[in-house]
PDB file of all heavy atoms in Angstrom:
ATOM      1  N   ALA A   1      -0.458  -2.298  29.131  1.00  0.00           N
ATOM      2  CA  ALA A   1       0.273  -1.067  28.995  1.00  0.00           C
ATOM      3  C   ALA A   1       0.077  -0.416  27.580  1.00  0.00           C
ATOM      4  O   ALA A   1       0.072   0.799  27.465  1.00  0.00           O
ATOM      5  CB  ALA A   1       1.795  -1.273  29.238  1.00  0.00           C
ATOM      6  N   ALA A   2      -0.079  -1.276  26.540  1.00  0.00           N
ATOM      7  CA  ALA A   2      -0.233  -0.749  25.219  1.00  0.00           C
ATOM      8  C   ALA A   2      -0.669  -1.948  24.320  1.00  0.00           C
ATOM      9  O   ALA A   2      -0.459  -3.114  24.666  1.00  0.00           O
ATOM     10  CB  ALA A   2       1.038  -0.200  24.643  1.00  0.00           C
ATOM     11  N   GLU A   3      -1.307  -1.591  23.189  1.00  0.00           N
ATOM     12  CA  GLU A   3      -1.565  -2.590  22.179  1.00  0.00           C
ATOM     13  C   GLU A   3      -0.606  -2.413  21.020  1.00  0.00           C
ATOM     14  O   GLU A   3      -0.468  -1.319  20.525  1.00  0.00           O
ATOM     15  CB  GLU A   3      -3.012  -2.410  21.684  1.00  0.00           C
ATOM     16  CG  GLU A   3      -4.034  -2.796  22.786  1.00  0.00           C
ATOM     17  CD  GLU A   3      -5.459  -2.975  22.184  1.00  0.00           C
ATOM     18  OE1 GLU A   3      -5.656  -2.781  20.908  1.00  0.00           O
ATOM     19  OE2 GLU A   3      -6.364  -3.211  22.934  1.00  0.00           O
ATOM     20  N   ILE A   4       0.051  -3.456  20.635  1.00  0.00           N
ATOM     21  CA  ILE A   4       1.139  -3.427  19.681  1.00  0.00           C
ATOM     22  C   ILE A   4       0.697  -3.913  18.374  1.00  0.00           C
ATOM     23  O   ILE A   4       0.069  -4.968  18.265  1.00  0.00           O
ATOM     24  CB  ILE A   4       2.375  -4.297  20.189  1.00  0.00           C
ATOM     25  CG1 ILE A   4       2.764  -3.864  21.595  1.00  0.00           C
ATOM     26  CG2 ILE A   4       3.554  -4.148  19.228  1.00  0.00           C
ATOM     27  CD1 ILE A   4       3.222  -2.409  21.737  1.00  0.00           C
ATOM     28  N   SER A   5       1.043  -3.221  17.268  1.00  0.00           N
ATOM     29  CA  SER A   5       0.694  -3.734  15.941  1.00  0.00           C
ATOM     30  C   SER A   5       1.850  -4.568  15.323  1.00  0.00           C
ATOM     31  O   SER A   5       2.988  -4.129  15.358  1.00  0.00           O
ATOM     32  CB  SER A   5       0.544  -2.481  14.972  1.00  0.00           C
ATOM     33  OG  SER A   5      -0.447  -1.642  15.570  1.00  0.00           O
ATOM     34  N   MET A   6       1.513  -5.679  14.802  1.00  0.00           N
ATOM     35  CA  MET A   6       2.476  -6.600  14.316  1.00  0.00           C
ATOM     36  C   MET A   6       2.383  -6.616  12.785  1.00  0.00           C
ATOM     37  O   MET A   6       1.277  -6.861  12.208  1.00  0.00           O
ATOM     38  CB  MET A   6       2.316  -8.005  14.815  1.00  0.00           C
ATOM     39  CG  MET A   6       2.256  -8.083  16.369  1.00  0.00           C
ATOM     40  SD  MET A   6       3.868  -7.615  17.094  1.00  0.00           S
ATOM     41  CE  MET A   6       4.832  -9.124  16.722  1.00  0.00           C
ATOM     42  N   LEU A   7       3.445  -6.331  12.029  1.00  0.00           N
ATOM     43  CA  LEU A   7       3.474  -6.294  10.568  1.00  0.00           C
ATOM     44  C   LEU A   7       4.404  -7.396  10.038  1.00  0.00           C
ATOM     45  O   LEU A   7       5.426  -7.678  10.630  1.00  0.00           O
ATOM     46  CB  LEU A   7       3.873  -4.964  10.046  1.00  0.00           C
ATOM     47  CG  LEU A   7       3.053  -3.683  10.581  1.00  0.00           C
ATOM     48  CD1 LEU A   7       3.694  -2.482   9.981  1.00  0.00           C
ATOM     49  CD2 LEU A   7       1.670  -3.808  10.063  1.00  0.00           C
ATOM     50  N   GLU A   8       4.002  -7.999   8.951  1.00  0.00           N
ATOM     51  CA  GLU A   8       4.820  -8.975   8.324  1.00  0.00           C
ATOM     52  C   GLU A   8       4.795  -8.878   6.820  1.00  0.00           C
ATOM     53  O   GLU A   8       3.789  -8.600   6.223  1.00  0.00           O
ATOM     54  CB  GLU A   8       4.402 -10.420   8.766  1.00  0.00           C
ATOM     55  CG  GLU A   8       5.249 -11.584   8.093  1.00  0.00           C
ATOM     56  CD  GLU A   8       4.604 -12.906   8.543  1.00  0.00           C
ATOM     57  OE1 GLU A   8       3.769 -13.415   7.935  1.00  0.00           O
ATOM     58  OE2 GLU A   8       5.209 -13.406   9.569  1.00  0.00           O
ATOM     59  N   TRP A   9       6.013  -9.010   6.202  1.00  0.00           N
ATOM     60  CA  TRP A   9       6.150  -8.924   4.716  1.00  0.00           C
ATOM     61  C   TRP A   9       6.911 -10.150   4.272  1.00  0.00           C
ATOM     62  O   TRP A   9       7.936 -10.555   4.917  1.00  0.00           O
ATOM     63  CB  TRP A   9       6.809  -7.633   4.316  1.00  0.00           C
ATOM     64  CG  TRP A   9       7.127  -7.588   2.896  1.00  0.00           C
ATOM     65  CD1 TRP A   9       6.255  -7.097   1.900  1.00  0.00           C
ATOM     66  CD2 TRP A   9       8.318  -7.891   2.198  1.00  0.00           C
ATOM     67  NE1 TRP A   9       6.838  -7.175   0.628  1.00  0.00           N
ATOM     68  CE2 TRP A   9       8.189  -7.611   0.853  1.00  0.00           C
ATOM     69  CE3 TRP A   9       9.578  -8.325   2.626  1.00  0.00           C
ATOM     70  CZ2 TRP A   9       9.169  -7.929  -0.128  1.00  0.00           C
ATOM     71  CZ3 TRP A   9      10.605  -8.554   1.673  1.00  0.00           C
ATOM     72  CH2 TRP A   9      10.355  -8.296   0.315  1.00  0.00           C
ATOM     73  N   GLU A  10       6.504 -10.721   3.198  1.00  0.00           N
ATOM     74  CA  GLU A  10       7.211 -11.957   2.642  1.00  0.00           C
ATOM     75  C   GLU A  10       7.515 -11.626   1.154  1.00  0.00           C
ATOM     76  O   GLU A  10       6.693 -11.211   0.393  1.00  0.00           O
ATOM     77  CB  GLU A  10       6.376 -13.159   2.766  1.00  0.00           C
ATOM     78  CG  GLU A  10       7.036 -14.440   2.160  1.00  0.00           C
ATOM     79  CD  GLU A  10       6.169 -15.626   2.328  1.00  0.00           C
ATOM     80  OE1 GLU A  10       5.107 -15.547   2.960  1.00  0.00           O
ATOM     81  OE2 GLU A  10       6.560 -16.672   1.809  1.00  0.00           O
ATOM     82  N   ALA A  11       8.756 -11.845   0.764  1.00  0.00           N
ATOM     83  CA  ALA A  11       9.201 -11.652  -0.568  1.00  0.00           C
ATOM     84  C   ALA A  11       8.586 -12.865  -1.456  1.00  0.00           C
ATOM     85  O   ALA A  11       8.771 -14.001  -1.167  1.00  0.00           O
ATOM     86  CB  ALA A  11      10.692 -11.770  -0.731  1.00  0.00           C
ATOM     87  N   LYS A  12       7.837 -12.473  -2.444  1.00  0.00           N
ATOM     88  CA  LYS A  12       7.167 -13.458  -3.319  1.00  0.00           C
ATOM     89  C   LYS A  12       8.045 -14.064  -4.354  1.00  0.00           C
ATOM     90  O   LYS A  12       7.908 -15.214  -4.753  1.00  0.00           O
ATOM     91  CB  LYS A  12       5.940 -12.835  -4.003  1.00  0.00           C
ATOM     92  CG  LYS A  12       4.905 -12.244  -3.108  1.00  0.00           C
ATOM     93  CD  LYS A  12       4.380 -13.303  -2.093  1.00  0.00           C
ATOM     94  CE  LYS A  12       3.301 -12.603  -1.160  1.00  0.00           C
ATOM     95  NZ  LYS A  12       2.779 -13.514  -0.170  1.00  0.00           N
ATOM     96  N   THR A  13       9.100 -13.344  -4.771  1.00  0.00           N
ATOM     97  CA  THR A  13       9.919 -13.883  -5.876  1.00  0.00           C
ATOM     98  C   THR A  13      11.390 -13.489  -5.472  1.00  0.00           C
ATOM     99  O   THR A  13      11.624 -12.634  -4.580  1.00  0.00           O
ATOM    100  CB  THR A  13       9.556 -13.203  -7.197  1.00  0.00           C
ATOM    101  OG1 THR A  13       9.892 -11.834  -7.166  1.00  0.00           O
ATOM    102  CG2 THR A  13       8.154 -13.426  -7.553  1.00  0.00           C
ATOM    103  N   ALA A  14      12.330 -14.073  -6.202  1.00  0.00           N
ATOM    104  CA  ALA A  14      13.755 -13.788  -5.951  1.00  0.00           C
ATOM    105  C   ALA A  14      14.000 -12.311  -6.333  1.00  0.00           C
ATOM    106  O   ALA A  14      14.868 -11.652  -5.705  1.00  0.00           O
ATOM    107  CB  ALA A  14      14.612 -14.652  -6.863  1.00  0.00           C
ATOM    108  N   ALA A  15      13.316 -11.755  -7.317  1.00  0.00           N
ATOM    109  CA  ALA A  15      13.470 -10.424  -7.710  1.00  0.00           C
ATOM    110  C   ALA A  15      13.061  -9.463  -6.577  1.00  0.00           C
ATOM    111  O   ALA A  15      13.744  -8.437  -6.343  1.00  0.00           O
ATOM    112  CB  ALA A  15      12.614 -10.057  -8.905  1.00  0.00           C
ATOM    113  N   ASP A  16      12.071  -9.795  -5.832  1.00  0.00           N
ATOM    114  CA  ASP A  16      11.659  -8.903  -4.706  1.00  0.00           C
ATOM    115  C   ASP A  16      12.678  -8.893  -3.603  1.00  0.00           C
ATOM    116  O   ASP A  16      12.885  -7.931  -2.980  1.00  0.00           O
ATOM    117  CB  ASP A  16      10.323  -9.479  -4.054  1.00  0.00           C
ATOM    118  CG  ASP A  16       9.119  -9.159  -4.950  1.00  0.00           C
ATOM    119  OD1 ASP A  16       9.212  -8.232  -5.735  1.00  0.00           O
ATOM    120  OD2 ASP A  16       8.140  -9.930  -4.901  1.00  0.00           O
ATOM    121  N   ARG A  17      13.354 -10.054  -3.458  1.00  0.00           N
ATOM    122  CA  ARG A  17      14.461 -10.110  -2.485  1.00  0.00           C
ATOM    123  C   ARG A  17      15.675  -9.271  -2.878  1.00  0.00           C
ATOM    124  O   ARG A  17      16.411  -8.875  -1.987  1.00  0.00           O
ATOM    125  CB  ARG A  17      14.815 -11.565  -2.185  1.00  0.00           C
ATOM    126  CG  ARG A  17      13.642 -12.343  -1.512  1.00  0.00           C
ATOM    127  CD  ARG A  17      14.187 -13.659  -0.933  1.00  0.00           C
ATOM    128  NE  ARG A  17      14.465 -14.618  -2.136  1.00  0.00           N
ATOM    129  CZ  ARG A  17      13.520 -15.425  -2.545  1.00  0.00           C
ATOM    130  NH1 ARG A  17      12.256 -15.444  -2.120  1.00  0.00           N
ATOM    131  NH2 ARG A  17      13.858 -16.290  -3.520  1.00  0.00           N
ATOM    132  N   ARG A  18      15.858  -9.140  -4.226  1.00  0.00           N
ATOM    133  CA  ARG A  18      17.097  -8.438  -4.603  1.00  0.00           C
ATOM    134  C   ARG A  18      17.005  -6.968  -4.735  1.00  0.00           C
ATOM    135  O   ARG A  18      17.887  -6.220  -4.492  1.00  0.00           O
ATOM    136  CB  ARG A  18      17.553  -8.991  -5.986  1.00  0.00           C
ATOM    137  CG  ARG A  18      18.084 -10.429  -5.927  1.00  0.00           C
ATOM    138  CD  ARG A  18      18.817 -10.698  -7.204  1.00  0.00           C
ATOM    139  NE  ARG A  18      17.921 -10.648  -8.356  1.00  0.00           N
ATOM    140  CZ  ARG A  18      17.248 -11.702  -8.886  1.00  0.00           C
ATOM    141  NH1 ARG A  18      17.437 -12.913  -8.273  1.00  0.00           N
ATOM    142  NH2 ARG A  18      16.498 -11.611  -9.912  1.00  0.00           N
ATOM    143  N   ARG A  19      15.812  -6.458  -5.131  1.00  0.00           N
ATOM    144  CA  ARG A  19      15.613  -5.022  -5.402  1.00  0.00           C
ATOM    145  C   ARG A  19      14.870  -4.323  -4.296  1.00  0.00           C
ATOM    146  O   ARG A  19      14.254  -4.880  -3.395  1.00  0.00           O
ATOM    147  CB  ARG A  19      14.855  -4.821  -6.629  1.00  0.00           C
ATOM    148  CG  ARG A  19      13.364  -5.168  -6.633  1.00  0.00           C
ATOM    149  CD  ARG A  19      12.687  -4.758  -7.901  1.00  0.00           C
ATOM    150  NE  ARG A  19      11.257  -4.829  -7.802  1.00  0.00           N
ATOM    151  CZ  ARG A  19      10.575  -5.852  -8.176  1.00  0.00           C
ATOM    152  NH1 ARG A  19      11.116  -6.902  -8.768  1.00  0.00           N
ATOM    153  NH2 ARG A  19       9.245  -5.857  -7.998  1.00  0.00           N
ATOM    154  N   SER A  20      14.919  -3.006  -4.326  1.00  0.00           N
ATOM    155  CA  SER A  20      14.165  -2.204  -3.430  1.00  0.00           C
ATOM    156  C   SER A  20      12.789  -1.958  -3.947  1.00  0.00           C
ATOM    157  O   SER A  20      12.490  -0.928  -4.504  1.00  0.00           O
ATOM    158  CB  SER A  20      14.850  -0.851  -3.190  1.00  0.00           C
ATOM    159  OG  SER A  20      14.060   0.047  -2.341  1.00  0.00           O
ATOM    160  N   ALA A  21      11.968  -3.033  -3.901  1.00  0.00           N
ATOM    161  CA  ALA A  21      10.619  -2.981  -4.368  1.00  0.00           C
ATOM    162  C   ALA A  21       9.692  -2.050  -3.521  1.00  0.00           C
ATOM    163  O   ALA A  21      10.031  -1.847  -2.397  1.00  0.00           O
ATOM    164  CB  ALA A  21      10.058  -4.360  -4.488  1.00  0.00           C
ATOM    165  N   PRO A  22       8.593  -1.521  -4.094  1.00  0.00           N
ATOM    166  CA  PRO A  22       7.762  -0.613  -3.294  1.00  0.00           C
ATOM    167  C   PRO A  22       7.296  -1.301  -2.055  1.00  0.00           C
ATOM    168  O   PRO A  22       7.013  -0.613  -1.024  1.00  0.00           O
ATOM    169  CB  PRO A  22       6.549  -0.383  -4.249  1.00  0.00           C
ATOM    170  CG  PRO A  22       7.187  -0.547  -5.665  1.00  0.00           C
ATOM    171  CD  PRO A  22       8.118  -1.619  -5.462  1.00  0.00           C
ATOM    172  N   SER A  23       7.108  -2.594  -2.046  1.00  0.00           N
ATOM    173  CA  SER A  23       6.594  -3.272  -0.818  1.00  0.00           C
ATOM    174  C   SER A  23       7.700  -4.000  -0.063  1.00  0.00           C
ATOM    175  O   SER A  23       7.465  -4.552   0.944  1.00  0.00           O
ATOM    176  CB  SER A  23       5.534  -4.361  -1.244  1.00  0.00           C
ATOM    177  OG  SER A  23       6.167  -5.346  -2.143  1.00  0.00           O
ATOM    178  N   GLY A  24       8.943  -3.892  -0.574  1.00  0.00           N
ATOM    179  CA  GLY A  24      10.069  -4.565   0.135  1.00  0.00           C
ATOM    180  C   GLY A  24      10.775  -3.596   1.017  1.00  0.00           C
ATOM    181  O   GLY A  24      10.586  -2.371   1.089  1.00  0.00           O
ATOM    182  N   PHE A  25      11.654  -4.214   1.834  1.00  0.00           N
ATOM    183  CA  PHE A  25      12.421  -3.446   2.916  1.00  0.00           C
ATOM    184  C   PHE A  25      13.876  -3.315   2.457  1.00  0.00           C
ATOM    185  O   PHE A  25      14.472  -4.271   2.007  1.00  0.00           O
ATOM    186  CB  PHE A  25      12.267  -4.125   4.199  1.00  0.00           C
ATOM    187  CG  PHE A  25      10.834  -4.234   4.724  1.00  0.00           C
ATOM    188  CD1 PHE A  25      10.443  -5.336   5.523  1.00  0.00           C
ATOM    189  CD2 PHE A  25       9.853  -3.268   4.365  1.00  0.00           C
ATOM    190  CE1 PHE A  25       9.145  -5.397   5.991  1.00  0.00           C
ATOM    191  CE2 PHE A  25       8.605  -3.347   4.888  1.00  0.00           C
ATOM    192  CZ  PHE A  25       8.175  -4.377   5.622  1.00  0.00           C
ATOM    193  N   VAL A  26      14.425  -2.218   2.840  1.00  0.00           N
ATOM    194  CA  VAL A  26      15.870  -1.991   2.755  1.00  0.00           C
ATOM    195  C   VAL A  26      16.337  -1.283   3.993  1.00  0.00           C
ATOM    196  O   VAL A  26      15.535  -0.708   4.684  1.00  0.00           O
ATOM    197  CB  VAL A  26      16.248  -1.097   1.501  1.00  0.00           C
ATOM    198  CG1 VAL A  26      15.851  -1.801   0.202  1.00  0.00           C
ATOM    199  CG2 VAL A  26      15.593   0.289   1.571  1.00  0.00           C
ATOM    200  N   PRO A  27      17.600  -1.379   4.353  1.00  0.00           N
ATOM    201  CA  PRO A  27      18.043  -0.731   5.551  1.00  0.00           C
ATOM    202  C   PRO A  27      17.795   0.766   5.536  1.00  0.00           C
ATOM    203  O   PRO A  27      17.786   1.465   4.534  1.00  0.00           O
ATOM    204  CB  PRO A  27      19.642  -0.960   5.504  1.00  0.00           C
ATOM    205  CG  PRO A  27      19.714  -2.205   4.711  1.00  0.00           C
ATOM    206  CD  PRO A  27      18.649  -2.161   3.617  1.00  0.00           C
ATOM    207  N   ALA A  28      17.476   1.271   6.792  1.00  0.00           N
ATOM    208  CA  ALA A  28      17.189   2.712   6.979  1.00  0.00           C
ATOM    209  C   ALA A  28      18.171   3.344   7.867  1.00  0.00           C
ATOM    210  O   ALA A  28      18.790   2.720   8.734  1.00  0.00           O
ATOM    211  CB  ALA A  28      15.737   2.765   7.529  1.00  0.00           C
ATOM    212  N   ARG A  29      18.235   4.677   7.821  1.00  0.00           N
ATOM    213  CA  ARG A  29      19.066   5.453   8.655  1.00  0.00           C
ATOM    214  C   ARG A  29      18.395   5.633  10.019  1.00  0.00           C
ATOM    215  O   ARG A  29      17.125   5.777  10.056  1.00  0.00           O
ATOM    216  CB  ARG A  29      19.442   6.805   8.067  1.00  0.00           C
ATOM    217  CG  ARG A  29      20.218   6.776   6.780  1.00  0.00           C
ATOM    218  CD  ARG A  29      20.535   8.182   6.340  1.00  0.00           C
ATOM    219  NE  ARG A  29      19.381   8.959   6.246  1.00  0.00           N
ATOM    220  CZ  ARG A  29      19.475  10.425   6.157  1.00  0.00           C
ATOM    221  NH1 ARG A  29      20.589  11.030   6.165  1.00  0.00           N
ATOM    222  NH2 ARG A  29      18.328  11.102   6.111  1.00  0.00           N
ATOM    223  N   ARG A  30      19.140   5.768  11.081  1.00  0.00           N
ATOM    224  CA  ARG A  30      18.541   5.956  12.339  1.00  0.00           C
ATOM    225  C   ARG A  30      17.705   7.262  12.502  1.00  0.00           C
ATOM    226  O   ARG A  30      16.657   7.266  13.026  1.00  0.00           O
ATOM    227  CB  ARG A  30      19.577   5.973  13.478  1.00  0.00           C
ATOM    228  CG  ARG A  30      19.072   6.155  14.903  1.00  0.00           C
ATOM    229  CD  ARG A  30      20.121   5.965  15.927  1.00  0.00           C
ATOM    230  NE  ARG A  30      21.049   7.110  15.880  1.00  0.00           N
ATOM    231  CZ  ARG A  30      20.828   8.345  16.524  1.00  0.00           C
ATOM    232  NH1 ARG A  30      19.659   8.454  17.323  1.00  0.00           N
ATOM    233  NH2 ARG A  30      21.660   9.322  16.490  1.00  0.00           N
ATOM    234  N   VAL A  31      18.194   8.266  11.884  1.00  0.00           N
ATOM    235  CA  VAL A  31      17.519   9.566  11.974  1.00  0.00           C
ATOM    236  C   VAL A  31      16.171   9.536  11.225  1.00  0.00           C
ATOM    237  O   VAL A  31      15.218  10.122  11.701  1.00  0.00           O
ATOM    238  CB  VAL A  31      18.408  10.689  11.301  1.00  0.00           C
ATOM    239  CG1 VAL A  31      18.652  10.495   9.845  1.00  0.00           C
ATOM    240  CG2 VAL A  31      17.763  12.091  11.573  1.00  0.00           C
ATOM    241  N   ASP A  32      16.127   8.801  10.190  1.00  0.00           N
ATOM    242  CA  ASP A  32      14.790   8.669   9.454  1.00  0.00           C
ATOM    243  C   ASP A  32      13.782   7.921  10.295  1.00  0.00           C
ATOM    244  O   ASP A  32      12.620   8.318  10.381  1.00  0.00           O
ATOM    245  CB  ASP A  32      14.978   7.930   8.143  1.00  0.00           C
ATOM    246  CG  ASP A  32      15.731   8.760   7.125  1.00  0.00           C
ATOM    247  OD1 ASP A  32      15.741  10.046   7.258  1.00  0.00           O
ATOM    248  OD2 ASP A  32      16.434   8.221   6.241  1.00  0.00           O
ATOM    249  N   VAL A  33      14.224   6.832  10.945  1.00  0.00           N
ATOM    250  CA  VAL A  33      13.340   6.052  11.751  1.00  0.00           C
ATOM    251  C   VAL A  33      12.918   6.875  12.968  1.00  0.00           C
ATOM    252  O   VAL A  33      11.735   6.839  13.467  1.00  0.00           O
ATOM    253  CB  VAL A  33      13.950   4.733  12.180  1.00  0.00           C
ATOM    254  CG1 VAL A  33      13.068   3.924  13.178  1.00  0.00           C
ATOM    255  CG2 VAL A  33      14.255   3.887  10.945  1.00  0.00           C
ATOM    256  N   TYR A  34      13.875   7.556  13.602  1.00  0.00           N
ATOM    257  CA  TYR A  34      13.611   8.378  14.749  1.00  0.00           C
ATOM    258  C   TYR A  34      12.529   9.438  14.502  1.00  0.00           C
ATOM    259  O   TYR A  34      11.567   9.529  15.302  1.00  0.00           O
ATOM    260  CB  TYR A  34      14.906   9.112  15.153  1.00  0.00           C
ATOM    261  CG  TYR A  34      14.731   9.986  16.403  1.00  0.00           C
ATOM    262  CD1 TYR A  34      14.860   9.459  17.693  1.00  0.00           C
ATOM    263  CD2 TYR A  34      14.437  11.342  16.272  1.00  0.00           C
ATOM    264  CE1 TYR A  34      14.658  10.249  18.824  1.00  0.00           C
ATOM    265  CE2 TYR A  34      14.253  12.168  17.394  1.00  0.00           C
ATOM    266  CZ  TYR A  34      14.424  11.564  18.654  1.00  0.00           C
ATOM    267  OH  TYR A  34      14.228  12.414  19.690  1.00  0.00           O
ATOM    268  N   LEU A  35      12.623  10.176  13.403  1.00  0.00           N
ATOM    269  CA  LEU A  35      11.650  11.135  12.997  1.00  0.00           C
ATOM    270  C   LEU A  35      10.246  10.550  12.757  1.00  0.00           C
ATOM    271  O   LEU A  35       9.247  11.031  13.174  1.00  0.00           O
ATOM    272  CB  LEU A  35      12.145  11.982  11.837  1.00  0.00           C
ATOM    273  CG  LEU A  35      13.351  12.870  12.028  1.00  0.00           C
ATOM    274  CD1 LEU A  35      13.771  13.495  10.740  1.00  0.00           C
ATOM    275  CD2 LEU A  35      13.058  13.924  13.123  1.00  0.00           C
ATOM    276  N   HIS A  36      10.279   9.411  12.055  1.00  0.00           N
ATOM    277  CA  HIS A  36       9.055   8.752  11.782  1.00  0.00           C
ATOM    278  C   HIS A  36       8.362   8.251  13.021  1.00  0.00           C
ATOM    279  O   HIS A  36       7.073   8.416  13.211  1.00  0.00           O
ATOM    280  CB  HIS A  36       9.311   7.559  10.806  1.00  0.00           C
ATOM    281  CG  HIS A  36       8.016   6.861  10.336  1.00  0.00           C
ATOM    282  ND1 HIS A  36       7.176   7.390   9.389  1.00  0.00           N
ATOM    283  CD2 HIS A  36       7.530   5.660  10.723  1.00  0.00           C
ATOM    284  CE1 HIS A  36       6.252   6.562   9.220  1.00  0.00           C
ATOM    285  NE2 HIS A  36       6.425   5.489  10.001  1.00  0.00           N
ATOM    286  N   VAL A  37       9.084   7.755  13.917  1.00  0.00           N
ATOM    287  CA  VAL A  37       8.559   7.112  15.146  1.00  0.00           C
ATOM    288  C   VAL A  37       7.900   8.222  15.934  1.00  0.00           C
ATOM    289  O   VAL A  37       6.866   8.129  16.533  1.00  0.00           O
ATOM    290  CB  VAL A  37       9.604   6.372  16.012  1.00  0.00           C
ATOM    291  CG1 VAL A  37       9.254   6.173  17.370  1.00  0.00           C
ATOM    292  CG2 VAL A  37       9.905   5.018  15.354  1.00  0.00           C
ATOM    293  N   ARG A  38       8.626   9.374  16.063  1.00  0.00           N
ATOM    294  CA  ARG A  38       8.183  10.462  16.918  1.00  0.00           C
ATOM    295  C   ARG A  38       6.880  11.057  16.404  1.00  0.00           C
ATOM    296  O   ARG A  38       6.095  11.596  17.174  1.00  0.00           O
ATOM    297  CB  ARG A  38       9.262  11.557  17.064  1.00  0.00           C
ATOM    298  CG  ARG A  38      10.481  11.133  17.740  1.00  0.00           C
ATOM    299  CD  ARG A  38      10.213  10.687  19.203  1.00  0.00           C
ATOM    300  NE  ARG A  38      11.353  10.148  19.875  1.00  0.00           N
ATOM    301  CZ  ARG A  38      11.316   9.571  21.019  1.00  0.00           C
ATOM    302  NH1 ARG A  38      10.186   9.401  21.635  1.00  0.00           N
ATOM    303  NH2 ARG A  38      12.491   9.082  21.525  1.00  0.00           N
ATOM    304  N   MET A  39       6.615  11.023  15.085  1.00  0.00           N
ATOM    305  CA  MET A  39       5.405  11.563  14.552  1.00  0.00           C
ATOM    306  C   MET A  39       4.289  10.516  14.279  1.00  0.00           C
ATOM    307  O   MET A  39       3.224  10.856  13.821  1.00  0.00           O
ATOM    308  CB  MET A  39       5.735  12.269  13.231  1.00  0.00           C
ATOM    309  CG  MET A  39       6.687  13.450  13.352  1.00  0.00           C
ATOM    310  SD  MET A  39       6.936  14.421  11.836  1.00  0.00           S
ATOM    311  CE  MET A  39       7.898  13.147  10.934  1.00  0.00           C
ATOM    312  N   SER A  40       4.543   9.291  14.686  1.00  0.00           N
ATOM    313  CA  SER A  40       3.588   8.240  14.270  1.00  0.00           C
ATOM    314  C   SER A  40       2.428   8.166  15.284  1.00  0.00           C
ATOM    315  O   SER A  40       2.709   8.050  16.487  1.00  0.00           O
ATOM    316  CB  SER A  40       4.345   6.869  14.332  1.00  0.00           C
ATOM    317  OG  SER A  40       3.367   5.798  14.237  1.00  0.00           O
ATOM    318  N   PRO A  41       1.197   8.160  14.818  1.00  0.00           N
ATOM    319  CA  PRO A  41       0.053   7.914  15.758  1.00  0.00           C
ATOM    320  C   PRO A  41       0.016   6.619  16.260  1.00  0.00           C
ATOM    321  O   PRO A  41      -0.457   6.411  17.447  1.00  0.00           O
ATOM    322  CB  PRO A  41      -1.144   8.360  14.838  1.00  0.00           C
ATOM    323  CG  PRO A  41      -0.684   8.041  13.482  1.00  0.00           C
ATOM    324  CD  PRO A  41       0.732   8.452  13.492  1.00  0.00           C
ATOM    325  N   VAL A  42       0.502   5.630  15.616  1.00  0.00           N
ATOM    326  CA  VAL A  42       0.598   4.210  16.187  1.00  0.00           C
ATOM    327  C   VAL A  42       1.516   4.172  17.325  1.00  0.00           C
ATOM    328  O   VAL A  42       1.177   3.608  18.371  1.00  0.00           O
ATOM    329  CB  VAL A  42       1.019   3.171  15.004  1.00  0.00           C
ATOM    330  CG1 VAL A  42       1.202   1.891  15.640  1.00  0.00           C
ATOM    331  CG2 VAL A  42      -0.021   3.214  13.898  1.00  0.00           C
ATOM    332  N   PHE A  43       2.673   4.837  17.233  1.00  0.00           N
ATOM    333  CA  PHE A  43       3.627   4.859  18.353  1.00  0.00           C
ATOM    334  C   PHE A  43       3.035   5.599  19.497  1.00  0.00           C
ATOM    335  O   PHE A  43       3.195   5.131  20.618  1.00  0.00           O
ATOM    336  CB  PHE A  43       4.829   5.653  17.815  1.00  0.00           C
ATOM    337  CG  PHE A  43       5.895   5.932  18.937  1.00  0.00           C
ATOM    338  CD1 PHE A  43       6.580   4.934  19.522  1.00  0.00           C
ATOM    339  CD2 PHE A  43       6.077   7.274  19.283  1.00  0.00           C
ATOM    340  CE1 PHE A  43       7.530   5.240  20.547  1.00  0.00           C
ATOM    341  CE2 PHE A  43       6.955   7.544  20.294  1.00  0.00           C
ATOM    342  CZ  PHE A  43       7.751   6.562  20.952  1.00  0.00           C
TER     343      PHE A  43
END
């Protein structure tokens, strides 16, 4: 039905886990994800 892309990120240091680093993840709003998903070529 589709080919799914799997992504994984691992915090290298304790500082990465505490801050919103460029490569780190923080909670997102539903509206932001919704708009991104709808415009995504991967989706």
